[in-house]
């Protein structure tokens, strides 16, 4: 079962429907994944958030040993 981190337009991070401080993300994910760093993690960012901030969080996850970190997007909708 993949886990999803969501970042809103303010840069706030949510995991399991709860706001999580940046410094506590790894501990929360490790607890939920039972220390399995091969757990798939999806990162979803609001379309107005700075892309660099999303990459920062993804890099932190990868740097902490998680091997299956991916960016998730919504399907394109024509306007």
PDB file of N, CA and C in Angstrom:
ATOM      1  N   UNK A   1       0.852  -1.190   0.000  1.00  0.00           N
ATOM      2  CA  UNK A   1       0.000   0.000   0.000  1.00  0.00           C
ATOM      3  C   UNK A   1       0.889   1.241   0.000  1.00  0.00           C
ATOM      4  N   UNK A   2       0.827   2.054  -1.052  1.00  0.00           N
ATOM      5  CA  UNK A   2       1.668   3.260  -1.089  1.00  0.00           C
ATOM      6  C   UNK A   2       1.211   4.307  -0.069  1.00  0.00           C
ATOM      7  N   UNK A   3       2.146   5.121   0.346  1.00  0.00           N
ATOM      8  CA  UNK A   3       1.868   6.228   1.250  1.00  0.00           C
ATOM      9  C   UNK A   3       1.919   7.519   0.448  1.00  0.00           C
ATOM     10  N   UNK A   4       1.149   8.516   0.835  1.00  0.00           N
ATOM     11  CA  UNK A   4       1.113   9.778   0.099  1.00  0.00           C
ATOM     12  C   UNK A   4       1.370  10.955   1.032  1.00  0.00           C
ATOM     13  N   UNK A   5       2.301  11.800   0.610  1.00  0.00           N
ATOM     14  CA  UNK A   5       2.543  13.090   1.259  1.00  0.00           C
ATOM     15  C   UNK A   5       1.921  14.138   0.363  1.00  0.00           C
ATOM     16  N   UNK A   6       1.205  15.079   0.927  1.00  0.00           N
ATOM     17  CA  UNK A   6       0.581  16.147   0.151  1.00  0.00           C
ATOM     18  C   UNK A   6       1.109  17.489   0.644  1.00  0.00           C
ATOM     19  N   UNK A   7       1.467  18.344  -0.307  1.00  0.00           N
ATOM     20  CA  UNK A   7       1.948  19.684   0.025  1.00  0.00           C
ATOM     21  C   UNK A   7       0.962  20.690  -0.551  1.00  0.00           C
ATOM     22  N   UNK A   8       0.463  21.581   0.312  1.00  0.00           N
ATOM     23  CA  UNK A   8      -0.512  22.556  -0.165  1.00  0.00           C
ATOM     24  C   UNK A   8       0.194  23.811  -0.696  1.00  0.00           C
ATOM     25  N   UNK A   9      -0.582  24.787  -1.128  1.00  0.00           N
ATOM     26  CA  UNK A   9      -0.023  25.987  -1.741  1.00  0.00           C
ATOM     27  C   UNK A   9       0.821  26.814  -0.770  1.00  0.00           C
ATOM     28  N   UNK A  10       0.622  26.619   0.527  1.00  0.00           N
ATOM     29  CA  UNK A  10       1.406  27.332   1.537  1.00  0.00           C
ATOM     30  C   UNK A  10       2.702  26.600   1.874  1.00  0.00           C
ATOM     31  N   UNK A  11       2.883  25.404   1.301  1.00  0.00           N
ATOM     32  CA  UNK A  11       4.069  24.612   1.593  1.00  0.00           C
ATOM     33  C   UNK A  11       3.907  23.708   2.801  1.00  0.00           C
ATOM     34  N   UNK A  12       2.691  23.675   3.362  1.00  0.00           N
ATOM     35  CA  UNK A  12       2.441  22.791   4.500  1.00  0.00           C
ATOM     36  C   UNK A  12       2.378  21.354   4.006  1.00  0.00           C
ATOM     37  N   UNK A  13       2.849  20.439   4.834  1.00  0.00           N
ATOM     38  CA  UNK A  13       2.931  19.036   4.459  1.00  0.00           C
ATOM     39  C   UNK A  13       1.930  18.234   5.277  1.00  0.00           C
ATOM     40  N   UNK A  14       1.202  17.363   4.584  1.00  0.00           N
ATOM     41  CA  UNK A  14       0.198  16.527   5.231  1.00  0.00           C
ATOM     42  C   UNK A  14       0.497  15.063   4.939  1.00  0.00           C
ATOM     43  N   UNK A  15       0.353  14.234   5.966  1.00  0.00           N
ATOM     44  CA  UNK A  15       0.562  12.798   5.854  1.00  0.00           C
ATOM     45  C   UNK A  15      -0.526  12.124   6.671  1.00  0.00           C
ATOM     46  N   UNK A  16      -1.243  11.195   6.066  1.00  0.00           N
ATOM     47  CA  UNK A  16      -2.373  10.524   6.716  1.00  0.00           C
ATOM     48  C   UNK A  16      -3.380  11.546   7.248  1.00  0.00           C
ATOM     49  N   UNK A  17      -3.671  12.537   6.436  1.00  0.00           N
ATOM     50  CA  UNK A  17      -4.660  13.577   6.733  1.00  0.00           C
ATOM     51  C   UNK A  17      -4.296  14.477   7.915  1.00  0.00           C
ATOM     52  N   UNK A  18      -3.048  14.447   8.349  1.00  0.00           N
ATOM     53  CA  UNK A  18      -2.610  15.307   9.447  1.00  0.00           C
ATOM     54  C   UNK A  18      -1.418  16.140   9.006  1.00  0.00           C
ATOM     55  N   UNK A  19      -1.393  17.392   9.453  1.00  0.00           N
ATOM     56  CA  UNK A  19      -0.264  18.258   9.153  1.00  0.00           C
ATOM     57  C   UNK A  19       0.962  17.739   9.894  1.00  0.00           C
ATOM     58  N   UNK A  20       2.097  17.705   9.183  1.00  0.00           N
ATOM     59  CA  UNK A  20       3.339  17.201   9.759  1.00  0.00           C
ATOM     60  C   UNK A  20       4.431  18.248   9.561  1.00  0.00           C
ATOM     61  N   UNK A  21       5.189  18.494  10.605  1.00  0.00           N
ATOM     62  CA  UNK A  21       6.322  19.409  10.491  1.00  0.00           C
ATOM     63  C   UNK A  21       7.413  18.744   9.654  1.00  0.00           C
ATOM     64  N   UNK A  22       8.112  19.539   8.867  1.00  0.00           N
ATOM     65  CA  UNK A  22       9.157  19.060   7.961  1.00  0.00           C
ATOM     66  C   UNK A  22      10.139  18.141   8.685  1.00  0.00           C
ATOM     67  N   UNK A  23      10.564  18.531   9.878  1.00  0.00           N
ATOM     68  CA  UNK A  23      11.574  17.780  10.622  1.00  0.00           C
ATOM     69  C   UNK A  23      11.076  16.416  11.105  1.00  0.00           C
ATOM     70  N   UNK A  24       9.771  16.204  11.100  1.00  0.00           N
ATOM     71  CA  UNK A  24       9.209  14.957  11.635  1.00  0.00           C
ATOM     72  C   UNK A  24       8.702  13.999  10.564  1.00  0.00           C
ATOM     73  N   UNK A  25       8.848  14.382   9.300  1.00  0.00           N
ATOM     74  CA  UNK A  25       8.317  13.557   8.209  1.00  0.00           C
ATOM     75  C   UNK A  25       8.919  12.158   8.223  1.00  0.00           C
ATOM     76  N   UNK A  26      10.238  12.077   8.267  1.00  0.00           N
ATOM     77  CA  UNK A  26      10.909  10.779   8.181  1.00  0.00           C
ATOM     78  C   UNK A  26      10.475   9.867   9.327  1.00  0.00           C
ATOM     79  N   UNK A  27      10.456  10.380  10.536  1.00  0.00           N
ATOM     80  CA  UNK A  27      10.058   9.565  11.692  1.00  0.00           C
ATOM     81  C   UNK A  27       8.635   9.047  11.532  1.00  0.00           C
ATOM     82  N   UNK A  28       7.731   9.895  11.055  1.00  0.00           N
ATOM     83  CA  UNK A  28       6.325   9.473  10.868  1.00  0.00           C
ATOM     84  C   UNK A  28       6.225   8.378   9.814  1.00  0.00           C
ATOM     85  N   UNK A  29       6.909   8.574   8.688  1.00  0.00           N
ATOM     86  CA  UNK A  29       6.830   7.575   7.613  1.00  0.00           C
ATOM     87  C   UNK A  29       7.463   6.260   8.052  1.00  0.00           C
ATOM     88  N   UNK A  30       8.592   6.327   8.730  1.00  0.00           N
ATOM     89  CA  UNK A  30       9.224   5.095   9.219  1.00  0.00           C
ATOM     90  C   UNK A  30       8.312   4.350  10.191  1.00  0.00           C
ATOM     91  N   UNK A  31       7.619   5.080  11.036  1.00  0.00           N
ATOM     92  CA  UNK A  31       6.714   4.439  11.999  1.00  0.00           C
ATOM     93  C   UNK A  31       5.566   3.735  11.279  1.00  0.00           C
ATOM     94  N   UNK A  32       4.969   4.416  10.299  1.00  0.00           N
ATOM     95  CA  UNK A  32       3.833   3.833   9.584  1.00  0.00           C
ATOM     96  C   UNK A  32       4.277   2.674   8.685  1.00  0.00           C
ATOM     97  N   UNK A  33       5.454   2.795   8.089  1.00  0.00           N
ATOM     98  CA  UNK A  33       5.933   1.756   7.165  1.00  0.00           C
ATOM     99  C   UNK A  33       6.664   0.631   7.886  1.00  0.00           C
ATOM    100  N   UNK A  34       6.707   0.706   9.212  1.00  0.00           N
ATOM    101  CA  UNK A  34       7.398  -0.308  10.020  1.00  0.00           C
ATOM    102  C   UNK A  34       8.870  -0.417   9.624  1.00  0.00           C
ATOM    103  N   UNK A  35       9.480   0.754   9.426  1.00  0.00           N
ATOM    104  CA  UNK A  35      10.909   0.880   9.081  1.00  0.00           C
ATOM    105  C   UNK A  35      11.276   0.275   7.736  1.00  0.00           C
ATOM    106  N   UNK A  36      10.313   0.105   6.853  1.00  0.00           N
ATOM    107  CA  UNK A  36      10.598  -0.438   5.520  1.00  0.00           C
ATOM    108  C   UNK A  36      10.870   0.713   4.561  1.00  0.00           C
ATOM    109  N   UNK A  37      12.106   0.827   4.145  1.00  0.00           N
ATOM    110  CA  UNK A  37      12.477   1.908   3.232  1.00  0.00           C
ATOM    111  C   UNK A  37      12.152   1.574   1.775  1.00  0.00           C
ATOM    112  N   UNK A  38      11.603   0.382   1.531  1.00  0.00           N
ATOM    113  CA  UNK A  38      11.168   0.045   0.170  1.00  0.00           C
ATOM    114  C   UNK A  38       9.673   0.328  -0.031  1.00  0.00           C
ATOM    115  N   UNK A  39       9.054   0.989   0.937  1.00  0.00           N
ATOM    116  CA  UNK A  39       7.650   1.384   0.827  1.00  0.00           C
ATOM    117  C   UNK A  39       7.523   2.459  -0.250  1.00  0.00           C
ATOM    118  N   UNK A  40       6.546   2.329  -1.123  1.00  0.00           N
ATOM    119  CA  UNK A  40       6.319   3.341  -2.160  1.00  0.00           C
ATOM    120  C   UNK A  40       5.716   4.586  -1.521  1.00  0.00           C
ATOM    121  N   UNK A  41       6.311   5.742  -1.844  1.00  0.00           N
ATOM    122  CA  UNK A  41       5.840   7.025  -1.308  1.00  0.00           C
ATOM    123  C   UNK A  41       5.546   7.955  -2.476  1.00  0.00           C
ATOM    124  N   UNK A  42       4.327   8.441  -2.529  1.00  0.00           N
ATOM    125  CA  UNK A  42       3.941   9.422  -3.536  1.00  0.00           C
ATOM    126  C   UNK A  42       3.953  10.809  -2.902  1.00  0.00           C
ATOM    127  N   UNK A  43       4.487  11.764  -3.637  1.00  0.00           N
ATOM    128  CA  UNK A  43       4.492  13.152  -3.186  1.00  0.00           C
ATOM    129  C   UNK A  43       3.600  13.936  -4.143  1.00  0.00           C
ATOM    130  N   UNK A  44       2.605  14.598  -3.582  1.00  0.00           N
ATOM    131  CA  UNK A  44       1.661  15.392  -4.369  1.00  0.00           C
ATOM    132  C   UNK A  44       1.786  16.842  -3.923  1.00  0.00           C
ATOM    133  N   UNK A  45       1.998  17.730  -4.884  1.00  0.00           N
ATOM    134  CA  UNK A  45       2.119  19.147  -4.557  1.00  0.00           C
ATOM    135  C   UNK A  45       1.049  19.966  -5.243  1.00  0.00           C
ATOM    136  N   UNK A  46       0.542  20.967  -4.561  1.00  0.00           N
ATOM    137  CA  UNK A  46      -0.409  21.898  -5.151  1.00  0.00           C
ATOM    138  C   UNK A  46       0.222  22.519  -6.397  1.00  0.00           C
ATOM    139  N   UNK A  47      -0.572  22.808  -7.403  1.00  0.00           N
ATOM    140  CA  UNK A  47      -0.012  23.313  -8.652  1.00  0.00           C
ATOM    141  C   UNK A  47       0.646  24.678  -8.511  1.00  0.00           C
ATOM    142  N   UNK A  48       0.371  25.394  -7.428  1.00  0.00           N
ATOM    143  CA  UNK A  48       0.973  26.715  -7.252  1.00  0.00           C
ATOM    144  C   UNK A  48       2.219  26.698  -6.361  1.00  0.00           C
ATOM    145  N   UNK A  49       2.568  25.530  -5.818  1.00  0.00           N
ATOM    146  CA  UNK A  49       3.723  25.463  -4.921  1.00  0.00           C
ATOM    147  C   UNK A  49       5.012  25.525  -5.733  1.00  0.00           C
ATOM    148  N   UNK A  50       6.046  26.039  -5.113  1.00  0.00           N
ATOM    149  CA  UNK A  50       7.360  26.099  -5.729  1.00  0.00           C
ATOM    150  C   UNK A  50       7.860  24.670  -5.950  1.00  0.00           C
ATOM    151  N   UNK A  51       8.195  24.357  -7.188  1.00  0.00           N
ATOM    152  CA  UNK A  51       8.642  23.011  -7.547  1.00  0.00           C
ATOM    153  C   UNK A  51       9.902  22.625  -6.767  1.00  0.00           C
ATOM    154  N   UNK A  52      10.756  23.595  -6.479  1.00  0.00           N
ATOM    155  CA  UNK A  52      11.967  23.325  -5.710  1.00  0.00           C
ATOM    156  C   UNK A  52      11.657  22.793  -4.328  1.00  0.00           C
ATOM    157  N   UNK A  53      10.588  23.271  -3.736  1.00  0.00           N
ATOM    158  CA  UNK A  53      10.182  22.796  -2.407  1.00  0.00           C
ATOM    159  C   UNK A  53       9.758  21.331  -2.467  1.00  0.00           C
ATOM    160  N   UNK A  54       9.042  20.971  -3.516  1.00  0.00           N
ATOM    161  CA  UNK A  54       8.633  19.574  -3.695  1.00  0.00           C
ATOM    162  C   UNK A  54       9.872  18.692  -3.871  1.00  0.00           C
ATOM    163  N   UNK A  55      10.817  19.152  -4.683  1.00  0.00           N
ATOM    164  CA  UNK A  55      12.048  18.379  -4.891  1.00  0.00           C
ATOM    165  C   UNK A  55      12.867  18.260  -3.608  1.00  0.00           C
ATOM    166  N   UNK A  56      12.830  19.291  -2.785  1.00  0.00           N
ATOM    167  CA  UNK A  56      13.531  19.257  -1.504  1.00  0.00           C
ATOM    168  C   UNK A  56      12.989  18.122  -0.632  1.00  0.00           C
ATOM    169  N   UNK A  57      11.680  18.005  -0.560  1.00  0.00           N
ATOM    170  CA  UNK A  57      11.062  16.944   0.245  1.00  0.00           C
ATOM    171  C   UNK A  57      11.363  15.578  -0.366  1.00  0.00           C
ATOM    172  N   UNK A  58      11.279  15.474  -1.682  1.00  0.00           N
ATOM    173  CA  UNK A  58      11.585  14.199  -2.333  1.00  0.00           C
ATOM    174  C   UNK A  58      13.041  13.805  -2.104  1.00  0.00           C
ATOM    175  N   UNK A  59      13.941  14.776  -2.171  1.00  0.00           N
ATOM    176  CA  UNK A  59      15.352  14.514  -1.926  1.00  0.00           C
ATOM    177  C   UNK A  59      15.618  14.072  -0.498  1.00  0.00           C
ATOM    178  N   UNK A  60      14.906  14.674   0.448  1.00  0.00           N
ATOM    179  CA  UNK A  60      15.053  14.291   1.846  1.00  0.00           C
ATOM    180  C   UNK A  60      14.623  12.832   2.035  1.00  0.00           C
ATOM    181  N   UNK A  61      13.511  12.452   1.396  1.00  0.00           N
ATOM    182  CA  UNK A  61      13.036  11.068   1.495  1.00  0.00           C
ATOM    183  C   UNK A  61      14.052  10.110   0.897  1.00  0.00           C
ATOM    184  N   UNK A  62      14.532  10.418  -0.291  1.00  0.00           N
ATOM    185  CA  UNK A  62      15.533   9.555  -0.949  1.00  0.00           C
ATOM    186  C   UNK A  62      16.814   9.488  -0.136  1.00  0.00           C
ATOM    187  N   UNK A  63      17.247  10.631   0.390  1.00  0.00           N
ATOM    188  CA  UNK A  63      18.459  10.678   1.192  1.00  0.00           C
ATOM    189  C   UNK A  63      18.339   9.929   2.503  1.00  0.00           C
ATOM    190  N   UNK A  64      17.117   9.670   2.934  1.00  0.00           N
ATOM    191  CA  UNK A  64      16.881   8.918   4.169  1.00  0.00           C
ATOM    192  C   UNK A  64      16.754   7.423   3.912  1.00  0.00           C
ATOM    193  N   UNK A  65      16.977   7.032   2.657  1.00  0.00           N
ATOM    194  CA  UNK A  65      16.992   5.606   2.338  1.00  0.00           C
ATOM    195  C   UNK A  65      15.758   5.077   1.637  1.00  0.00           C
ATOM    196  N   UNK A  66      14.731   5.910   1.479  1.00  0.00           N
ATOM    197  CA  UNK A  66      13.537   5.432   0.778  1.00  0.00           C
ATOM    198  C   UNK A  66      13.856   5.312  -0.712  1.00  0.00           C
ATOM    199  N   UNK A  67      13.569   4.146  -1.274  1.00  0.00           N
ATOM    200  CA  UNK A  67      13.985   3.851  -2.648  1.00  0.00           C
ATOM    201  C   UNK A  67      12.875   3.996  -3.680  1.00  0.00           C
ATOM    202  N   UNK A  68      11.648   4.179  -3.240  1.00  0.00           N
ATOM    203  CA  UNK A  68      10.520   4.258  -4.176  1.00  0.00           C
ATOM    204  C   UNK A  68       9.723   5.536  -3.935  1.00  0.00           C
ATOM    205  N   UNK A  69      10.331   6.662  -4.274  1.00  0.00           N
ATOM    206  CA  UNK A  69       9.700   7.966  -4.083  1.00  0.00           C
ATOM    207  C   UNK A  69       9.320   8.502  -5.456  1.00  0.00           C
ATOM    208  N   UNK A  70       8.062   8.908  -5.625  1.00  0.00           N
ATOM    209  CA  UNK A  70       7.590   9.378  -6.927  1.00  0.00           C
ATOM    210  C   UNK A  70       6.691  10.594  -6.779  1.00  0.00           C
ATOM    211  N   UNK A  71       6.719  11.425  -7.786  1.00  0.00           N
ATOM    212  CA  UNK A  71       5.832  12.580  -7.858  1.00  0.00           C
ATOM    213  C   UNK A  71       4.533  12.124  -8.492  1.00  0.00           C
ATOM    214  N   UNK A  72       3.429  12.527  -7.922  1.00  0.00           N
ATOM    215  CA  UNK A  72       2.127  12.148  -8.466  1.00  0.00           C
ATOM    216  C   UNK A  72       1.438  13.415  -8.961  1.00  0.00           C
ATOM    217  N   UNK A  73       0.744  13.287 -10.075  1.00  0.00           N
ATOM    218  CA  UNK A  73       0.056  14.459 -10.631  1.00  0.00           C
ATOM    219  C   UNK A  73      -1.374  14.106 -10.986  1.00  0.00           C
ATOM    220  N   UNK A  74      -2.150  15.134 -11.166  1.00  0.00           N
ATOM    221  CA  UNK A  74      -3.531  14.955 -11.597  1.00  0.00           C
ATOM    222  C   UNK A  74      -3.550  14.853 -13.119  1.00  0.00           C
ATOM    223  N   UNK A  75      -4.486  14.133 -13.699  1.00  0.00           N
ATOM    224  CA  UNK A  75      -4.585  14.063 -15.151  1.00  0.00           C
ATOM    225  C   UNK A  75      -4.828  15.458 -15.735  1.00  0.00           C
ATOM    226  N   UNK A  76      -4.240  15.691 -16.883  1.00  0.00           N
ATOM    227  CA  UNK A  76      -4.396  16.971 -17.564  1.00  0.00           C
ATOM    228  C   UNK A  76      -5.839  17.168 -17.994  1.00  0.00           C
ATOM    229  N   UNK A  77      -6.345  18.365 -17.739  1.00  0.00           N
ATOM    230  CA  UNK A  77      -7.707  18.704 -18.169  1.00  0.00           C
ATOM    231  C   UNK A  77      -7.632  19.950 -19.049  1.00  0.00           C
ATOM    232  N   UNK A  78      -8.201  19.889 -20.222  1.00  0.00           N
ATOM    233  CA  UNK A  78      -8.206  21.060 -21.090  1.00  0.00           C
ATOM    234  C   UNK A  78      -9.103  22.105 -20.503  1.00  0.00           C
ATOM    235  N   UNK A  79      -8.715  23.355 -20.711  1.00  0.00           N
ATOM    236  CA  UNK A  79      -9.506  24.460 -20.158  1.00  0.00           C
ATOM    237  C   UNK A  79     -10.507  24.943 -21.155  1.00  0.00           C
TER     238      UNK A  79
END
